């Protein structure tokens, strides 16, 4: 028997040499193929605008040396005759390598998608970018926890009791921190649904201000008076939120009152006058102007128009211009603005019987009638 025919663990030296050669060739081939594919896909991704090829490159770059080595060894063992115990060990190692490599690929996909989302949101909504980073971290923890459980099961460890214990412990922890979890999921809802973003002007119940920070547990609003208002995310989503930043145009309703001494001709002209004044504003869209009602001390007109901008300062500038123009035009047309008035009628009644020939005793006499501003 020659040296090459000597048996080592049931296989000759020649057979071991062939198996080793197959393993080496497979490993070198896999590494070359990986580099060629990654390089070509990277060149292609740099010339395209889609994210799919970039995602594939990011995943392939996470291919582990250990995984390629295990695949190469497995290919080399095909030329060998191994005992059932050795075969079982190699299969378990192969499954572990597949689990770890699958987790690395999934981790690479999560990291790439998270990095792209954060880079897109950072300029416009830095808080949501922070929230996405935290969500990515939680996703990776869940991924590797699942891989660990599968690896233990592959090694023959009974994980039923472990999973049951983790389930009971998870329920207990969830009950203990349910408020925190509620705020965490509310933060996720805000990031995904986007009812508002940083910089939006919102009103929540009686509080109003600009959104300054969106965190994992709280959202902070800077009020008009300067103080910071802090809401828990769960309470915030349970409230009625009015987002003025999403407003395309602003509807404005205002009323004016004129005196009852205004002539019919002047009353007829007021609606047309209001329309002309509003339509003269470039950013205002006239809706209507009507003589609405007879008030206690004035004849009430109501005008409605739309400001073609959501900005509050723009609305106030337009309303100020309209008010000044109304004042000027009313002065030219000699139309008087009304103000709340009160008329007092004073009268006296004699407390003594009327004397013969006295015609004033026992009569009502109006002393004065006057108007006063309230």
Protein backbone atom coordinates (compact mmCIF):
# COMPACT_ATOMS: atom_id res chain seq x y z
CA UNK A 1 0.00 0.00 0.00
CA UNK A 2 1.47 3.29 -1.09
CA UNK A 3 1.46 6.47 0.96
CA UNK A 4 -1.42 7.92 -1.03
CA UNK A 5 -3.47 4.82 -0.35
CA UNK A 6 -3.12 5.03 3.43
CA UNK A 7 -6.45 5.63 5.15
CA UNK A 8 -7.12 8.68 7.31
CA UNK A 9 -10.57 8.75 8.95
CA UNK A 10 -11.81 6.30 6.37
CA UNK A 11 -10.39 8.15 3.34
CA UNK A 12 -7.08 7.86 1.57
CA UNK A 13 -4.57 10.72 1.46
CA UNK A 14 -5.29 11.07 -2.22
CA UNK A 15 -9.01 11.47 -1.52
CA UNK A 16 -8.29 14.06 1.17
CA UNK A 17 -6.05 15.90 -1.28
CA UNK A 18 -8.79 15.92 -3.91
CA UNK A 19 -11.35 17.16 -1.36
CA UNK A 20 -9.00 19.91 -0.19
CA UNK A 21 -8.33 20.93 -3.78
CA UNK A 22 -12.06 21.13 -4.48
CA UNK A 23 -12.56 23.26 -1.37
CA UNK A 24 -9.74 25.64 -2.29
CA UNK A 25 -10.91 26.03 -5.87
CA UNK A 26 -14.52 26.61 -4.73
CA UNK A 27 -13.45 29.21 -2.19
CA UNK A 28 -11.30 31.12 -4.68
CA UNK A 29 -14.03 30.89 -7.31
CA UNK A 30 -16.72 32.16 -4.93
CA UNK A 31 -14.57 35.10 -3.85
CA UNK A 32 -13.79 36.03 -7.46
CA UNK A 33 -17.44 35.75 -8.47
CA UNK A 34 -18.49 37.89 -5.47
CA UNK A 35 -16.01 40.64 -6.32
CA UNK A 36 -16.92 40.67 -10.02
CA UNK A 37 -20.66 40.80 -9.33
CA UNK A 38 -20.30 43.50 -6.66
CA UNK A 39 -18.01 45.62 -8.84
CA UNK A 40 -20.24 45.43 -11.90
CA UNK A 41 -23.41 46.06 -9.95
CA UNK A 42 -21.76 49.02 -8.23
CA UNK A 43 -20.82 50.49 -11.62
CA UNK A 44 -24.37 49.92 -12.85
CA UNK A 45 -25.87 51.44 -9.70
CA UNK A 46 -23.78 54.59 -10.11
CA UNK A 47 -25.39 55.16 -13.53
CA UNK A 48 -29.01 54.52 -12.50
CA UNK A 49 -31.42 56.38 -10.27
CA UNK A 50 -33.22 53.35 -8.84
CA UNK A 51 -32.47 52.02 -5.37
CA UNK A 52 -32.88 48.32 -6.13
CA UNK A 53 -29.39 47.80 -7.58
CA UNK A 54 -27.86 49.79 -4.72
CA UNK A 55 -29.74 47.56 -2.27
CA UNK A 56 -28.43 44.39 -3.98
CA UNK A 57 -24.88 45.73 -3.80
CA UNK A 58 -25.27 46.56 -0.11
CA UNK A 59 -26.56 43.04 0.57
CA UNK A 60 -23.82 41.26 -1.42
CA UNK A 61 -21.15 43.28 0.35
CA UNK A 62 -22.28 41.67 3.60
CA UNK A 63 -21.33 38.18 2.34
CA UNK A 64 -19.13 36.76 5.08
CA UNK A 65 -15.76 35.03 4.68
CA UNK A 66 -16.85 32.27 7.08
CA UNK A 67 -19.94 31.52 4.97
CA UNK A 68 -17.89 31.11 1.79
CA UNK A 69 -15.40 28.95 3.65
CA UNK A 70 -18.13 26.65 4.98
CA UNK A 71 -19.67 26.32 1.50
CA UNK A 72 -16.25 25.45 0.06
CA UNK A 73 -15.59 22.84 2.76
CA UNK A 74 -19.03 21.34 2.18
CA UNK A 75 -18.25 21.06 -1.52
CA UNK A 76 -14.90 19.43 -0.72
CA UNK A 77 -16.52 16.83 1.53
CA UNK A 78 -18.58 15.56 -1.38
CA UNK A 79 -15.46 13.68 -2.52
CA UNK A 80 -15.04 12.10 0.92
CA UNK A 81 -16.72 9.25 2.71
CA UNK A 82 -17.63 10.47 6.19
CA UNK A 83 -19.28 8.85 9.17
CA UNK A 84 -22.89 9.77 10.03
CA UNK A 85 -21.68 11.71 13.09
CA UNK A 86 -19.23 13.78 11.04
CA UNK A 87 -21.87 14.40 8.39
CA UNK A 88 -24.32 15.58 11.06
CA UNK A 89 -21.73 17.97 12.51
CA UNK A 90 -20.96 19.43 9.10
CA UNK A 91 -24.67 19.88 8.36
CA UNK A 92 -25.19 21.71 11.65
CA UNK A 93 -22.22 23.98 10.88
CA UNK A 94 -23.64 24.65 7.40
CA UNK A 95 -27.05 25.56 8.85
CA UNK A 96 -25.41 27.89 11.37
CA UNK A 97 -23.44 29.53 8.58
CA UNK A 98 -26.61 29.96 6.52
CA UNK A 99 -28.46 31.48 9.51
CA UNK A 100 -25.65 33.92 10.26
CA UNK A 101 -25.24 34.84 6.61
CA UNK A 102 -28.98 35.33 6.18
CA UNK A 103 -28.98 37.59 9.24
CA UNK A 104 -26.03 39.56 7.81
CA UNK A 105 -27.86 40.02 4.50
CA UNK A 106 -31.03 41.14 6.30
CA UNK A 107 -28.99 43.43 8.53
CA UNK A 108 -27.34 44.96 5.45
CA UNK A 109 -30.75 45.54 3.85
CA UNK A 110 -32.07 47.19 7.02
CA UNK A 111 -28.97 49.37 7.32
CA UNK A 112 -29.18 50.47 3.67
CA UNK A 113 -32.90 51.28 3.76
CA UNK A 114 -32.47 53.07 7.08
CA UNK A 115 -29.51 55.07 5.80
CA UNK A 116 -31.42 56.14 2.68
CA UNK A 117 -34.51 57.13 4.67
CA UNK A 118 -32.49 59.07 7.24
CA UNK A 119 -30.52 60.95 4.57
CA UNK A 120 -33.75 61.97 2.82
CA UNK A 121 -35.47 63.09 6.00
CA UNK A 122 -32.55 64.75 7.77
CA UNK A 123 -32.91 68.14 6.11
CA UNK A 124 -36.69 68.44 6.41
CA UNK A 125 -37.46 66.38 9.50
CA UNK A 126 -34.48 65.57 11.70
CA UNK A 127 -36.66 64.24 14.53
CA UNK A 128 -38.28 61.58 12.35
CA UNK A 129 -34.80 60.58 11.18
CA UNK A 130 -33.84 59.98 14.81
CA UNK A 131 -36.99 57.94 15.34
CA UNK A 132 -36.24 55.85 12.26
CA UNK A 133 -32.76 55.14 13.60
CA UNK A 134 -34.26 53.86 16.84
CA UNK A 135 -36.74 51.73 14.91
CA UNK A 136 -33.87 50.30 12.86
CA UNK A 137 -32.02 49.40 16.06
CA UNK A 138 -35.09 47.59 17.43
CA UNK A 139 -35.48 45.73 14.12
CA UNK A 140 -31.89 44.52 14.28
CA UNK A 141 -32.32 43.35 17.88
CA UNK A 142 -35.40 41.35 16.90
CA UNK A 143 -33.56 39.90 13.87
CA UNK A 144 -30.53 38.70 15.81
CA UNK A 145 -32.71 37.39 18.66
CA UNK A 146 -34.59 35.24 16.14
CA UNK A 147 -31.32 34.02 14.61
CA UNK A 148 -30.01 33.12 18.08
CA UNK A 149 -33.12 31.07 18.86
CA UNK A 150 -32.90 29.23 15.53
CA UNK A 151 -29.18 28.58 16.08
CA UNK A 152 -29.83 27.10 19.53
CA UNK A 153 -32.57 24.93 18.08
CA UNK A 154 -30.18 23.74 15.37
CA UNK A 155 -27.65 22.80 18.06
CA UNK A 156 -30.23 20.60 19.77
CA UNK A 157 -31.19 22.95 22.59
CA UNK A 158 -34.86 22.75 23.57
CA UNK A 159 -36.00 26.35 23.11
CA UNK A 160 -39.69 25.72 23.88
CA UNK A 161 -39.26 26.56 27.56
CA UNK A 162 -37.02 29.48 26.69
CA UNK A 163 -39.57 30.91 24.25
CA UNK A 164 -42.35 30.41 26.79
CA UNK A 165 -40.29 32.14 29.46
CA UNK A 166 -39.48 34.99 27.12
CA UNK A 167 -43.16 35.28 26.22
CA UNK A 168 -44.26 35.52 29.86
CA UNK A 169 -41.41 37.89 30.67
CA UNK A 170 -42.25 39.96 27.60
CA UNK A 171 -45.88 40.26 28.68
CA UNK A 172 -44.83 41.34 32.16
CA UNK A 173 -42.40 43.90 30.77
CA UNK A 174 -45.00 45.15 28.28
CA UNK A 175 -47.56 45.67 31.06
CA UNK A 176 -44.97 47.50 33.15
CA UNK A 177 -43.97 49.87 30.37
CA UNK A 178 -47.22 50.02 28.42
CA UNK A 179 -47.29 53.83 28.54
CA UNK A 180 -43.78 54.01 27.12
CA UNK A 181 -44.67 51.48 24.42
CA UNK A 182 -47.80 53.45 23.61
CA UNK A 183 -45.74 56.59 23.09
CA UNK A 184 -43.20 54.61 21.04
CA UNK A 185 -45.86 53.26 18.67
CA UNK A 186 -47.46 56.71 18.52
CA UNK A 187 -44.07 58.10 17.49
CA UNK A 188 -43.89 55.45 14.76
CA UNK A 189 -47.39 56.44 13.62
CA UNK A 190 -46.37 60.12 13.45
CA UNK A 191 -43.28 59.26 11.40
CA UNK A 192 -45.15 57.05 8.93
CA UNK A 193 -48.47 58.90 8.67
CA UNK A 194 -47.01 62.42 8.98
CA UNK A 195 -49.95 64.36 10.46
CA UNK A 196 -47.32 67.07 11.04
CA UNK A 197 -43.57 67.56 10.72
CA UNK A 198 -41.04 69.87 12.34
CA UNK A 199 -41.85 73.49 11.53
CA UNK A 200 -45.61 73.00 11.12
CA UNK A 201 -47.89 75.38 13.04
CA UNK A 202 -50.52 73.30 14.83
CA UNK A 203 -53.29 73.77 17.38
CA UNK A 204 -53.92 71.01 19.92
CA UNK A 205 -57.02 71.69 22.04
CA UNK A 206 -56.27 75.12 23.55
CA UNK A 207 -52.54 75.04 22.84
CA UNK A 208 -50.92 76.32 19.67
CA UNK A 209 -47.41 76.75 18.35
CA UNK A 210 -44.75 75.46 15.96
CA UNK A 211 -43.53 71.86 16.16
CA UNK A 212 -39.96 71.94 17.41
CA UNK A 213 -39.07 68.31 18.17
CA UNK A 214 -40.59 64.87 17.57
CA UNK A 215 -39.03 62.26 19.83
CA UNK A 216 -39.62 58.63 20.74
CA UNK A 217 -41.82 59.56 23.72
CA UNK A 218 -42.70 63.24 23.47
CA UNK A 219 -43.35 65.99 20.93
CA UNK A 220 -42.40 69.56 21.81
CA UNK A 221 -44.14 72.69 20.54
CA UNK A 222 -42.89 76.27 20.82
CA UNK A 223 -45.86 78.49 21.63
CA UNK A 224 -46.36 82.03 20.36
CA UNK A 225 -45.60 83.42 23.81
CA UNK A 226 -42.23 81.65 23.82
CA UNK A 227 -42.61 78.77 26.26
CA UNK A 228 -42.16 75.15 25.20
CA UNK A 229 -45.18 72.84 25.47
CA UNK A 230 -44.45 69.10 25.81
CA UNK A 231 -46.99 66.47 24.76
CA UNK A 232 -46.68 62.71 25.08
CA UNK A 233 -47.05 61.19 21.63
CA UNK A 234 -49.98 58.98 22.63
CA UNK A 235 -51.94 61.90 24.12
CA UNK A 236 -51.12 64.02 21.08
CA UNK A 237 -52.58 61.52 18.61
CA UNK A 238 -55.70 61.13 20.78
CA UNK A 239 -56.34 64.89 20.46
CA UNK A 240 -57.82 66.90 17.64
CA UNK A 241 -54.92 68.49 15.74
CA UNK A 242 -55.34 71.44 13.40
CA UNK A 243 -52.36 71.84 11.08
CA UNK A 244 -52.26 75.36 9.64
CA UNK A 245 -49.10 74.63 7.62
CA UNK A 246 -51.16 72.33 5.38
CA UNK A 247 -53.63 75.10 4.62
CA UNK A 248 -53.58 76.17 0.96
CA UNK A 249 -55.61 79.34 1.43
CA UNK A 250 -57.25 81.13 4.34
CA UNK A 251 -60.97 81.98 4.50
CA UNK A 252 -61.67 85.35 6.09
CA UNK A 253 -65.04 86.61 7.33
CA UNK A 254 -65.48 90.12 8.71
CA UNK A 255 -68.41 92.40 9.48
CA UNK A 256 -68.93 96.15 9.56
CA UNK A 257 -71.83 98.21 10.84
CA UNK A 258 -73.26 101.49 9.56
CA UNK A 259 -75.74 103.80 11.24
CA UNK A 260 -79.50 103.63 10.79
CA UNK A 261 -79.34 107.14 9.31
CA UNK A 262 -77.62 105.74 6.19
CA UNK A 263 -79.71 106.34 3.04
CA UNK A 264 -81.09 103.57 0.86
CA UNK A 265 -78.80 104.59 -2.00
CA UNK A 266 -75.75 104.32 0.24
CA UNK A 267 -76.87 100.94 1.62
CA UNK A 268 -77.21 99.59 -1.91
CA UNK A 269 -73.71 100.77 -2.86
CA UNK A 270 -71.88 99.30 0.15
CA UNK A 271 -71.81 95.69 -1.14
CA UNK A 272 -70.36 96.80 -4.46
CA UNK A 273 -67.86 99.03 -2.68
CA UNK A 274 -66.65 96.13 -0.50
CA UNK A 275 -66.29 93.92 -3.54
CA UNK A 276 -64.17 96.48 -5.38
CA UNK A 277 -61.92 96.96 -2.37
CA UNK A 278 -61.31 93.21 -1.86
CA UNK A 279 -60.79 92.47 -5.56
CA UNK A 280 -58.13 95.18 -5.74
CA UNK A 281 -55.87 93.00 -3.56
CA UNK A 282 -53.67 90.66 -5.70
CA UNK A 283 -53.62 87.83 -3.13
CA UNK A 284 -57.31 88.04 -2.20
CA UNK A 285 -60.16 86.16 -3.90
CA UNK A 286 -63.58 87.74 -3.33
CA UNK A 287 -66.43 85.45 -2.32
CA UNK A 288 -69.41 87.58 -1.26
CA UNK A 289 -70.60 90.75 0.53
CA UNK A 290 -74.17 91.15 1.82
CA UNK A 291 -76.38 93.32 4.02
CA UNK A 292 -76.79 90.61 6.65
CA UNK A 293 -79.08 91.92 9.37
CA UNK A 294 -80.50 94.74 11.44
CA UNK A 295 -78.43 94.97 14.58
CA UNK A 296 -79.30 96.60 17.90
CA UNK A 297 -77.47 99.77 17.00
CA UNK A 298 -76.20 99.21 13.44
CA UNK A 299 -76.99 97.85 10.00
CA UNK A 300 -74.64 94.85 9.67
CA UNK A 301 -72.78 93.91 6.48
CA UNK A 302 -70.81 90.67 6.16
CA UNK A 303 -67.98 90.14 3.67
CA UNK A 304 -66.12 86.90 2.87
CA UNK A 305 -62.91 86.45 0.90
CA UNK A 306 -60.00 84.03 0.59
CA UNK A 307 -56.31 84.80 1.02
CA UNK A 308 -54.28 82.84 -1.53
CA UNK A 309 -51.57 82.11 1.02
CA UNK A 310 -51.56 80.25 4.34
CA UNK A 311 -49.19 82.75 5.95
CA UNK A 312 -50.77 84.63 8.84
CA UNK A 313 -48.73 87.79 8.27
CA UNK A 314 -49.90 87.92 4.64
CA UNK A 315 -53.50 87.67 5.80
CA UNK A 316 -53.03 90.49 8.34
CA UNK A 317 -51.35 92.75 5.76
CA UNK A 318 -54.26 92.26 3.34
CA UNK A 319 -56.89 92.79 6.04
CA UNK A 320 -55.17 95.97 7.19
CA UNK A 321 -55.11 97.32 3.63
CA UNK A 322 -58.79 96.47 3.21
CA UNK A 323 -59.71 98.17 6.48
CA UNK A 324 -57.85 101.36 5.57
CA UNK A 325 -59.43 101.42 2.12
CA UNK A 326 -62.91 100.91 3.59
CA UNK A 327 -62.32 103.84 5.94
CA UNK A 328 -61.21 106.05 3.05
CA UNK A 329 -64.05 105.10 0.73
CA UNK A 330 -66.70 105.47 3.46
CA UNK A 331 -65.40 108.96 4.18
CA UNK A 332 -65.69 109.85 0.50
CA UNK A 333 -69.26 108.48 0.29
CA UNK A 334 -70.21 110.10 3.62
CA UNK A 335 -71.18 106.75 5.13
CA UNK A 336 -70.98 106.72 8.93
CA UNK A 337 -69.71 103.73 10.89
CA UNK A 338 -72.00 102.69 13.72
CA UNK A 339 -70.97 102.07 17.26
CA UNK A 340 -72.97 100.68 20.21
CA UNK A 341 -75.42 103.35 21.43
CA UNK A 342 -77.95 103.73 24.22
CA UNK A 343 -80.89 106.16 24.27
CA UNK A 344 -82.12 107.39 27.67
CA UNK A 345 -85.61 108.86 28.08
CA UNK A 346 -85.96 110.76 31.38
CA UNK A 347 -89.39 111.81 32.57
CA UNK A 348 -90.93 113.18 35.79
CA UNK A 349 -94.35 112.79 37.37
CA UNK A 350 -95.78 115.23 39.88
CA UNK A 351 -96.18 113.78 43.37
CA UNK A 352 -98.78 116.40 44.38
CA UNK A 353 -102.43 116.83 43.34
CA UNK A 354 -103.01 119.29 40.56
CA UNK A 355 -103.98 122.77 41.76
CA UNK A 356 -106.86 124.54 40.05
CA UNK A 357 -105.57 125.99 36.77
CA UNK A 358 -102.19 124.08 36.95
CA UNK A 359 -101.83 122.25 33.65
CA UNK A 360 -98.33 120.79 34.27
CA UNK A 361 -98.99 118.75 37.41
CA UNK A 362 -99.41 114.99 36.85
CA UNK A 363 -97.97 115.03 33.31
CA UNK A 364 -94.92 113.09 31.91
CA UNK A 365 -92.09 115.29 30.68
CA UNK A 366 -89.10 114.11 28.59
CA UNK A 367 -86.00 115.74 29.98
CA UNK A 368 -83.39 114.54 27.46
CA UNK A 369 -82.67 112.04 24.78
CA UNK A 370 -79.02 111.29 24.08
CA UNK A 371 -76.63 108.70 22.65
CA UNK A 372 -73.70 107.38 24.62
CA UNK A 373 -70.85 105.13 23.67
CA UNK A 374 -70.70 101.96 25.78
